[in-house]
Amino acid sequence: MIALYPGSFDPFTIGHEDIISRAAKTFDGLVVGISEDNAKDNFLNYEQRLNLAQVLFSSFSNIQISCFRGLTVDFAKELGAEIIVRGIRNVTDYESESQMAQLNKQLAPSVETIFLNSPDKYRSISSTLVRQIHLLDGDISSFVSPITKDFLLKLK
């Protein structure tokens, strides 16, 4: 069974990496889908995020990294993915992700969404906060992998 874990991943955090490694153990194939046209002002362009992901997950034989445009459910159908994986850190995430899952189910009844809860140690980490800390020259070592930290430092 193929699953899709979509997101902007701007940048990848250790929370994202945790969800990806857990999902990769659960499904035969996992596509990490990097959204090119999300509604966010991205810090990293999609090519940088794609390159970073390819390095981060190169040791996983069942993970494919791909960029996509448009609706996530359309990309899932294009891939033949039966599952969309979403990470949940808190109640706010659950409310927005649950609403999105319900709409996606109406758009693509054959695609299910599953939620993976973040461990307590990752619940406060978000890409937005990591970007802010990084741009203000703070230490992001506790929030991203050494690979991601080095990648971001090279951009300064």
N, C-alpha and C. Protein backbone atom coordinates (compact mmCIF):
# COMPACT_ATOMS: atom_id res chain seq x y z
N MET A 1 0.84 -1.18 0.00
CA MET A 1 0.00 0.00 0.00
C MET A 1 0.89 1.25 0.00
N ILE A 2 0.52 2.21 -0.84
CA ILE A 2 1.27 3.46 -0.95
C ILE A 2 0.56 4.54 -0.14
N ALA A 3 1.36 5.31 0.61
CA ALA A 3 0.84 6.44 1.38
C ALA A 3 1.55 7.71 0.95
N LEU A 4 0.88 8.82 1.14
CA LEU A 4 1.43 10.13 0.82
C LEU A 4 1.49 10.96 2.09
N TYR A 5 2.66 11.53 2.36
CA TYR A 5 2.81 12.49 3.45
C TYR A 5 3.11 13.84 2.80
N PRO A 6 2.09 14.70 2.66
CA PRO A 6 2.27 15.98 1.99
C PRO A 6 2.58 17.10 2.98
N GLY A 7 3.24 18.13 2.48
CA GLY A 7 3.49 19.30 3.32
C GLY A 7 4.38 20.30 2.61
N SER A 8 4.58 21.42 3.28
CA SER A 8 5.49 22.42 2.73
C SER A 8 6.91 22.16 3.20
N PHE A 9 7.09 21.60 4.39
CA PHE A 9 8.39 21.20 4.92
C PHE A 9 9.43 22.32 4.75
N ASP A 10 9.13 23.45 5.34
CA ASP A 10 9.92 24.66 5.11
C ASP A 10 10.48 25.23 6.40
N PRO A 11 11.46 24.62 7.01
CA PRO A 11 12.23 23.45 6.62
C PRO A 11 11.70 22.18 7.28
N PHE A 12 12.34 21.05 6.96
CA PHE A 12 12.04 19.80 7.65
C PHE A 12 12.49 19.93 9.10
N THR A 13 11.63 19.50 10.02
CA THR A 13 11.98 19.49 11.44
C THR A 13 12.15 18.04 11.89
N ILE A 14 12.64 17.86 13.11
CA ILE A 14 12.75 16.49 13.62
C ILE A 14 11.36 15.88 13.84
N GLY A 15 10.35 16.72 14.01
CA GLY A 15 8.98 16.22 14.08
C GLY A 15 8.54 15.62 12.76
N HIS A 16 8.83 16.31 11.65
CA HIS A 16 8.53 15.76 10.32
C HIS A 16 9.27 14.44 10.11
N GLU A 17 10.55 14.44 10.47
CA GLU A 17 11.36 13.24 10.27
C GLU A 17 10.82 12.06 11.07
N ASP A 18 10.31 12.33 12.27
CA ASP A 18 9.72 11.28 13.09
C ASP A 18 8.48 10.69 12.40
N ILE A 19 7.60 11.55 11.92
CA ILE A 19 6.38 11.08 11.23
C ILE A 19 6.76 10.27 10.00
N ILE A 20 7.72 10.77 9.23
CA ILE A 20 8.14 10.08 8.00
C ILE A 20 8.73 8.72 8.31
N SER A 21 9.60 8.63 9.28
CA SER A 21 10.21 7.33 9.59
C SER A 21 9.17 6.34 10.12
N ARG A 22 8.22 6.81 10.91
CA ARG A 22 7.16 5.93 11.41
C ARG A 22 6.25 5.47 10.29
N ALA A 23 5.89 6.38 9.39
CA ALA A 23 5.02 6.03 8.26
C ALA A 23 5.74 5.07 7.31
N ALA A 24 7.04 5.27 7.11
CA ALA A 24 7.80 4.39 6.22
C ALA A 24 7.84 2.95 6.75
N LYS A 25 7.77 2.79 8.06
CA LYS A 25 7.74 1.46 8.66
C LYS A 25 6.35 0.82 8.53
N THR A 26 5.34 1.64 8.31
CA THR A 26 3.96 1.17 8.29
C THR A 26 3.48 0.79 6.89
N PHE A 27 3.98 1.49 5.88
CA PHE A 27 3.48 1.30 4.52
C PHE A 27 4.56 0.75 3.60
N ASP A 28 4.12 0.04 2.56
CA ASP A 28 5.06 -0.50 1.58
C ASP A 28 5.84 0.61 0.90
N GLY A 29 5.14 1.67 0.57
CA GLY A 29 5.77 2.82 -0.07
C GLY A 29 5.24 4.10 0.53
N LEU A 30 6.11 5.08 0.70
CA LEU A 30 5.72 6.38 1.22
C LEU A 30 6.27 7.45 0.28
N VAL A 31 5.38 8.31 -0.17
CA VAL A 31 5.79 9.45 -0.97
C VAL A 31 5.74 10.68 -0.08
N VAL A 32 6.87 11.35 0.06
CA VAL A 32 6.91 12.63 0.76
C VAL A 32 6.66 13.67 -0.32
N GLY A 33 5.47 14.27 -0.28
CA GLY A 33 5.05 15.22 -1.30
C GLY A 33 5.29 16.65 -0.85
N ILE A 34 6.16 17.35 -1.55
CA ILE A 34 6.49 18.72 -1.20
C ILE A 34 5.65 19.65 -2.06
N SER A 35 4.79 20.40 -1.41
CA SER A 35 3.88 21.30 -2.13
C SER A 35 4.64 22.50 -2.70
N GLU A 36 4.45 22.71 -3.99
CA GLU A 36 5.10 23.85 -4.66
C GLU A 36 4.26 25.12 -4.58
N ASP A 37 2.96 24.95 -4.42
CA ASP A 37 2.08 26.11 -4.51
C ASP A 37 1.16 26.27 -3.32
N ASN A 38 1.72 26.07 -2.13
CA ASN A 38 0.92 26.28 -0.93
C ASN A 38 0.70 27.78 -0.72
N ALA A 39 -0.16 28.11 0.19
CA ALA A 39 -0.52 29.52 0.41
C ALA A 39 0.47 30.24 1.33
N LYS A 40 1.61 29.64 1.58
CA LYS A 40 2.57 30.22 2.51
C LYS A 40 3.67 30.97 1.75
N ASP A 41 4.29 31.93 2.43
CA ASP A 41 5.50 32.56 1.91
C ASP A 41 6.66 31.67 2.31
N ASN A 42 7.20 30.94 1.37
CA ASN A 42 8.24 29.96 1.68
C ASN A 42 9.60 30.61 1.90
N PHE A 43 10.31 30.08 2.87
CA PHE A 43 11.68 30.45 3.14
C PHE A 43 12.61 29.75 2.14
N LEU A 44 12.41 28.44 1.99
CA LEU A 44 13.17 27.65 1.02
C LEU A 44 12.32 27.42 -0.22
N ASN A 45 12.93 27.49 -1.39
CA ASN A 45 12.14 27.18 -2.59
C ASN A 45 11.95 25.66 -2.67
N TYR A 46 11.07 25.24 -3.55
CA TYR A 46 10.75 23.81 -3.58
C TYR A 46 11.96 22.96 -4.00
N GLU A 47 12.85 23.49 -4.82
CA GLU A 47 14.05 22.73 -5.21
C GLU A 47 14.97 22.51 -4.01
N GLN A 48 15.10 23.51 -3.16
CA GLN A 48 15.92 23.35 -1.95
C GLN A 48 15.29 22.33 -1.01
N ARG A 49 13.99 22.40 -0.86
CA ARG A 49 13.30 21.45 0.01
C ARG A 49 13.40 20.03 -0.55
N LEU A 50 13.30 19.91 -1.87
CA LEU A 50 13.42 18.61 -2.54
C LEU A 50 14.83 18.05 -2.32
N ASN A 51 15.85 18.86 -2.55
CA ASN A 51 17.23 18.41 -2.36
C ASN A 51 17.50 17.99 -0.92
N LEU A 52 17.01 18.78 0.03
CA LEU A 52 17.20 18.45 1.44
C LEU A 52 16.52 17.12 1.77
N ALA A 53 15.30 16.94 1.29
CA ALA A 53 14.57 15.69 1.57
C ALA A 53 15.29 14.48 0.98
N GLN A 54 15.83 14.63 -0.21
CA GLN A 54 16.54 13.52 -0.83
C GLN A 54 17.74 13.09 0.00
N VAL A 55 18.42 14.05 0.61
CA VAL A 55 19.55 13.72 1.47
C VAL A 55 19.06 13.09 2.78
N LEU A 56 18.05 13.71 3.39
CA LEU A 56 17.55 13.24 4.68
C LEU A 56 17.05 11.80 4.64
N PHE A 57 16.40 11.42 3.54
CA PHE A 57 15.72 10.12 3.50
C PHE A 57 16.35 9.14 2.52
N SER A 58 17.59 9.38 2.15
CA SER A 58 18.28 8.52 1.17
C SER A 58 18.47 7.10 1.67
N SER A 59 18.47 6.89 2.97
CA SER A 59 18.69 5.55 3.51
C SER A 59 17.42 4.69 3.51
N PHE A 60 16.27 5.27 3.18
CA PHE A 60 15.01 4.53 3.16
C PHE A 60 14.74 4.05 1.73
N SER A 61 14.66 2.76 1.55
CA SER A 61 14.42 2.21 0.21
C SER A 61 12.97 2.38 -0.25
N ASN A 62 12.05 2.60 0.68
CA ASN A 62 10.64 2.68 0.30
C ASN A 62 10.08 4.11 0.33
N ILE A 63 10.97 5.11 0.41
CA ILE A 63 10.52 6.50 0.39
C ILE A 63 10.90 7.14 -0.93
N GLN A 64 9.90 7.78 -1.52
CA GLN A 64 10.10 8.57 -2.74
C GLN A 64 9.82 10.03 -2.40
N ILE A 65 10.61 10.93 -2.93
CA ILE A 65 10.42 12.35 -2.69
C ILE A 65 9.91 12.97 -3.98
N SER A 66 8.86 13.77 -3.88
CA SER A 66 8.27 14.36 -5.08
C SER A 66 7.69 15.72 -4.76
N CYS A 67 7.75 16.62 -5.72
CA CYS A 67 7.08 17.91 -5.59
C CYS A 67 5.76 17.84 -6.34
N PHE A 68 4.79 18.62 -5.87
CA PHE A 68 3.51 18.62 -6.57
C PHE A 68 2.86 19.99 -6.51
N ARG A 69 1.96 20.21 -7.44
CA ARG A 69 1.13 21.41 -7.50
C ARG A 69 -0.34 20.98 -7.44
N GLY A 70 -1.17 21.85 -6.93
CA GLY A 70 -2.59 21.56 -6.93
C GLY A 70 -3.05 20.87 -5.66
N LEU A 71 -4.21 20.27 -5.76
CA LEU A 71 -4.83 19.61 -4.60
C LEU A 71 -4.08 18.35 -4.20
N THR A 72 -3.92 18.18 -2.92
CA THR A 72 -3.24 17.00 -2.39
C THR A 72 -3.95 15.73 -2.81
N VAL A 73 -5.28 15.71 -2.77
CA VAL A 73 -6.01 14.49 -3.13
C VAL A 73 -5.82 14.14 -4.60
N ASP A 74 -5.69 15.14 -5.45
CA ASP A 74 -5.43 14.86 -6.87
C ASP A 74 -4.05 14.23 -7.03
N PHE A 75 -3.09 14.73 -6.28
CA PHE A 75 -1.74 14.15 -6.33
C PHE A 75 -1.78 12.72 -5.78
N ALA A 76 -2.51 12.49 -4.71
CA ALA A 76 -2.63 11.15 -4.13
C ALA A 76 -3.22 10.18 -5.17
N LYS A 77 -4.27 10.61 -5.85
CA LYS A 77 -4.88 9.75 -6.88
C LYS A 77 -3.90 9.48 -8.02
N GLU A 78 -3.16 10.50 -8.43
CA GLU A 78 -2.17 10.36 -9.49
C GLU A 78 -1.11 9.32 -9.12
N LEU A 79 -0.73 9.30 -7.84
CA LEU A 79 0.27 8.34 -7.35
C LEU A 79 -0.29 6.94 -7.14
N GLY A 80 -1.61 6.85 -7.04
CA GLY A 80 -2.23 5.58 -6.65
C GLY A 80 -2.15 5.37 -5.15
N ALA A 81 -1.97 6.46 -4.41
CA ALA A 81 -1.88 6.38 -2.94
C ALA A 81 -3.28 6.24 -2.37
N GLU A 82 -3.43 5.30 -1.46
CA GLU A 82 -4.71 5.06 -0.81
C GLU A 82 -4.83 5.82 0.51
N ILE A 83 -3.70 6.30 1.01
CA ILE A 83 -3.65 6.92 2.33
C ILE A 83 -2.91 8.26 2.25
N ILE A 84 -3.45 9.26 2.94
CA ILE A 84 -2.74 10.51 3.21
C ILE A 84 -2.39 10.49 4.69
N VAL A 85 -1.13 10.68 4.99
CA VAL A 85 -0.65 10.69 6.37
C VAL A 85 -0.51 12.15 6.81
N ARG A 86 -1.01 12.44 8.00
CA ARG A 86 -0.87 13.78 8.58
C ARG A 86 -0.40 13.64 10.02
N GLY A 87 0.48 14.52 10.43
CA GLY A 87 0.96 14.55 11.80
C GLY A 87 0.11 15.50 12.63
N ILE A 88 -0.13 15.11 13.86
CA ILE A 88 -0.93 15.91 14.79
C ILE A 88 -0.10 16.23 16.02
N ARG A 89 0.08 17.54 16.30
CA ARG A 89 0.84 17.95 17.48
C ARG A 89 -0.07 18.34 18.63
N ASN A 90 -1.25 18.88 18.32
CA ASN A 90 -2.11 19.44 19.36
C ASN A 90 -3.55 19.50 18.87
N VAL A 91 -4.43 20.03 19.71
CA VAL A 91 -5.86 20.11 19.39
C VAL A 91 -6.10 21.01 18.17
N THR A 92 -5.35 22.08 18.06
CA THR A 92 -5.51 22.98 16.92
C THR A 92 -5.19 22.25 15.62
N ASP A 93 -4.09 21.49 15.61
CA ASP A 93 -3.76 20.68 14.43
C ASP A 93 -4.89 19.72 14.13
N TYR A 94 -5.40 19.04 15.17
CA TYR A 94 -6.46 18.06 14.95
C TYR A 94 -7.68 18.70 14.30
N GLU A 95 -8.08 19.86 14.79
CA GLU A 95 -9.27 20.51 14.24
C GLU A 95 -9.09 20.87 12.77
N SER A 96 -7.97 21.47 12.42
CA SER A 96 -7.77 21.86 11.03
C SER A 96 -7.54 20.63 10.14
N GLU A 97 -6.78 19.67 10.62
CA GLU A 97 -6.51 18.46 9.82
C GLU A 97 -7.76 17.61 9.65
N SER A 98 -8.59 17.55 10.67
CA SER A 98 -9.84 16.80 10.59
C SER A 98 -10.77 17.42 9.54
N GLN A 99 -10.87 18.72 9.55
CA GLN A 99 -11.69 19.42 8.56
C GLN A 99 -11.17 19.15 7.15
N MET A 100 -9.85 19.24 6.98
CA MET A 100 -9.25 18.99 5.67
C MET A 100 -9.50 17.55 5.24
N ALA A 101 -9.38 16.61 6.16
CA ALA A 101 -9.60 15.19 5.84
C ALA A 101 -11.04 14.95 5.38
N GLN A 102 -11.99 15.63 6.02
CA GLN A 102 -13.39 15.47 5.62
C GLN A 102 -13.63 16.01 4.22
N LEU A 103 -13.04 17.16 3.91
CA LEU A 103 -13.19 17.72 2.57
C LEU A 103 -12.49 16.84 1.54
N ASN A 104 -11.31 16.36 1.87
CA ASN A 104 -10.59 15.47 0.96
C ASN A 104 -11.39 14.20 0.68
N LYS A 105 -12.06 13.69 1.69
CA LYS A 105 -12.87 12.47 1.54
C LYS A 105 -14.02 12.72 0.56
N GLN A 106 -14.58 13.92 0.59
CA GLN A 106 -15.64 14.25 -0.37
C GLN A 106 -15.08 14.37 -1.79
N LEU A 107 -13.87 14.91 -1.90
CA LEU A 107 -13.24 15.08 -3.22
C LEU A 107 -12.71 13.77 -3.78
N ALA A 108 -12.27 12.88 -2.91
CA ALA A 108 -11.67 11.61 -3.33
C ALA A 108 -12.07 10.51 -2.35
N PRO A 109 -13.26 9.94 -2.51
CA PRO A 109 -13.75 8.94 -1.55
C PRO A 109 -12.83 7.72 -1.37
N SER A 110 -11.99 7.43 -2.34
CA SER A 110 -11.13 6.24 -2.24
C SER A 110 -9.85 6.50 -1.43
N VAL A 111 -9.61 7.75 -1.06
CA VAL A 111 -8.39 8.10 -0.32
C VAL A 111 -8.73 8.37 1.14
N GLU A 112 -8.08 7.63 2.03
CA GLU A 112 -8.28 7.82 3.47
C GLU A 112 -7.17 8.70 4.03
N THR A 113 -7.47 9.39 5.12
CA THR A 113 -6.47 10.16 5.84
C THR A 113 -6.28 9.52 7.20
N ILE A 114 -5.02 9.32 7.57
CA ILE A 114 -4.74 8.84 8.93
C ILE A 114 -3.86 9.86 9.63
N PHE A 115 -4.03 9.94 10.93
CA PHE A 115 -3.27 10.88 11.75
C PHE A 115 -2.27 10.12 12.60
N LEU A 116 -1.05 10.61 12.63
CA LEU A 116 -0.04 10.09 13.54
C LEU A 116 0.25 11.17 14.58
N ASN A 117 0.07 10.81 15.83
CA ASN A 117 0.33 11.76 16.92
C ASN A 117 1.83 11.96 17.09
N SER A 118 2.19 13.20 17.29
CA SER A 118 3.60 13.52 17.57
C SER A 118 3.91 13.16 19.02
N PRO A 119 5.11 12.63 19.25
CA PRO A 119 5.52 12.41 20.64
C PRO A 119 5.62 13.75 21.37
N ASP A 120 5.46 13.73 22.67
CA ASP A 120 5.49 14.96 23.47
C ASP A 120 6.71 15.83 23.18
N LYS A 121 7.86 15.21 23.00
CA LYS A 121 9.09 15.98 22.82
C LYS A 121 9.12 16.79 21.52
N TYR A 122 8.19 16.50 20.58
CA TYR A 122 8.16 17.23 19.32
C TYR A 122 6.93 18.14 19.17
N ARG A 123 6.05 18.13 20.12
CA ARG A 123 4.77 18.84 19.98
C ARG A 123 4.89 20.35 19.81
N SER A 124 5.93 20.94 20.35
CA SER A 124 6.06 22.41 20.26
C SER A 124 6.84 22.86 19.03
N ILE A 125 7.37 21.92 18.27
CA ILE A 125 8.23 22.28 17.13
C ILE A 125 7.39 22.50 15.88
N SER A 126 7.60 23.65 15.25
CA SER A 126 6.97 23.92 13.96
C SER A 126 8.00 24.54 13.03
N SER A 127 7.80 24.36 11.75
CA SER A 127 8.71 24.96 10.77
C SER A 127 8.75 26.48 10.91
N THR A 128 7.60 27.07 11.19
CA THR A 128 7.52 28.53 11.32
C THR A 128 8.43 29.01 12.45
N LEU A 129 8.36 28.36 13.61
CA LEU A 129 9.20 28.76 14.73
C LEU A 129 10.67 28.48 14.47
N VAL A 130 10.96 27.37 13.82
CA VAL A 130 12.35 27.06 13.48
C VAL A 130 12.91 28.13 12.55
N ARG A 131 12.14 28.54 11.55
CA ARG A 131 12.58 29.61 10.64
C ARG A 131 12.87 30.89 11.40
N GLN A 132 11.96 31.26 12.29
CA GLN A 132 12.14 32.50 13.06
C GLN A 132 13.41 32.44 13.90
N ILE A 133 13.61 31.35 14.59
CA ILE A 133 14.81 31.19 15.43
C ILE A 133 16.06 31.27 14.56
N HIS A 134 16.04 30.56 13.45
CA HIS A 134 17.19 30.54 12.54
C HIS A 134 17.50 31.93 11.99
N LEU A 135 16.47 32.63 11.55
CA LEU A 135 16.68 33.96 10.95
C LEU A 135 17.16 34.98 11.97
N LEU A 136 16.89 34.72 13.26
CA LEU A 136 17.37 35.60 14.32
C LEU A 136 18.65 35.07 14.96
N ASP A 137 19.32 34.17 14.25
CA ASP A 137 20.60 33.61 14.66
C ASP A 137 20.55 32.81 15.95
N GLY A 138 19.40 32.21 16.24
CA GLY A 138 19.29 31.34 17.40
C GLY A 138 19.75 29.93 17.06
N ASP A 139 19.91 29.12 18.09
CA ASP A 139 20.37 27.74 17.93
C ASP A 139 19.18 26.82 17.65
N ILE A 140 19.14 26.23 16.47
CA ILE A 140 18.03 25.35 16.08
C ILE A 140 18.37 23.87 16.25
N SER A 141 19.48 23.58 16.87
CA SER A 141 19.97 22.20 17.00
C SER A 141 18.96 21.24 17.63
N SER A 142 18.14 21.72 18.52
CA SER A 142 17.16 20.86 19.20
C SER A 142 15.92 20.59 18.36
N PHE A 143 15.80 21.27 17.23
CA PHE A 143 14.56 21.21 16.46
C PHE A 143 14.70 20.61 15.07
N VAL A 144 15.93 20.52 14.59
CA VAL A 144 16.18 19.96 13.25
C VAL A 144 17.36 18.99 13.34
N SER A 145 17.46 18.14 12.34
CA SER A 145 18.59 17.21 12.29
C SER A 145 19.87 17.98 11.96
N PRO A 146 21.03 17.40 12.25
CA PRO A 146 22.29 18.05 11.88
C PRO A 146 22.37 18.33 10.37
N ILE A 147 21.82 17.46 9.57
CA ILE A 147 21.83 17.67 8.11
C ILE A 147 21.06 18.93 7.76
N THR A 148 19.87 19.09 8.32
CA THR A 148 19.05 20.28 8.05
C THR A 148 19.73 21.53 8.59
N LYS A 149 20.28 21.45 9.79
CA LYS A 149 20.97 22.60 10.37
C LYS A 149 22.11 23.06 9.48
N ASP A 150 22.95 22.12 9.03
CA ASP A 150 24.07 22.47 8.14
C ASP A 150 23.58 23.07 6.83
N PHE A 151 22.52 22.49 6.29
CA PHE A 151 21.93 23.00 5.05
C PHE A 151 21.49 24.45 5.21
N LEU A 152 20.81 24.74 6.31
CA LEU A 152 20.33 26.10 6.56
C LEU A 152 21.47 27.08 6.83
N LEU A 153 22.48 26.63 7.55
CA LEU A 153 23.62 27.50 7.83
C LEU A 153 24.37 27.88 6.56
N LYS A 154 24.43 26.99 5.61
CA LYS A 154 25.11 27.27 4.33
C LYS A 154 24.36 28.33 3.52
N LEU A 155 23.08 28.51 3.79
CA LEU A 155 22.29 29.50 3.06
C LEU A 155 22.48 30.92 3.56
N LYS A 156 23.04 31.04 4.77
CA LYS A 156 23.21 32.39 5.37
C LYS A 156 24.38 33.13 4.75
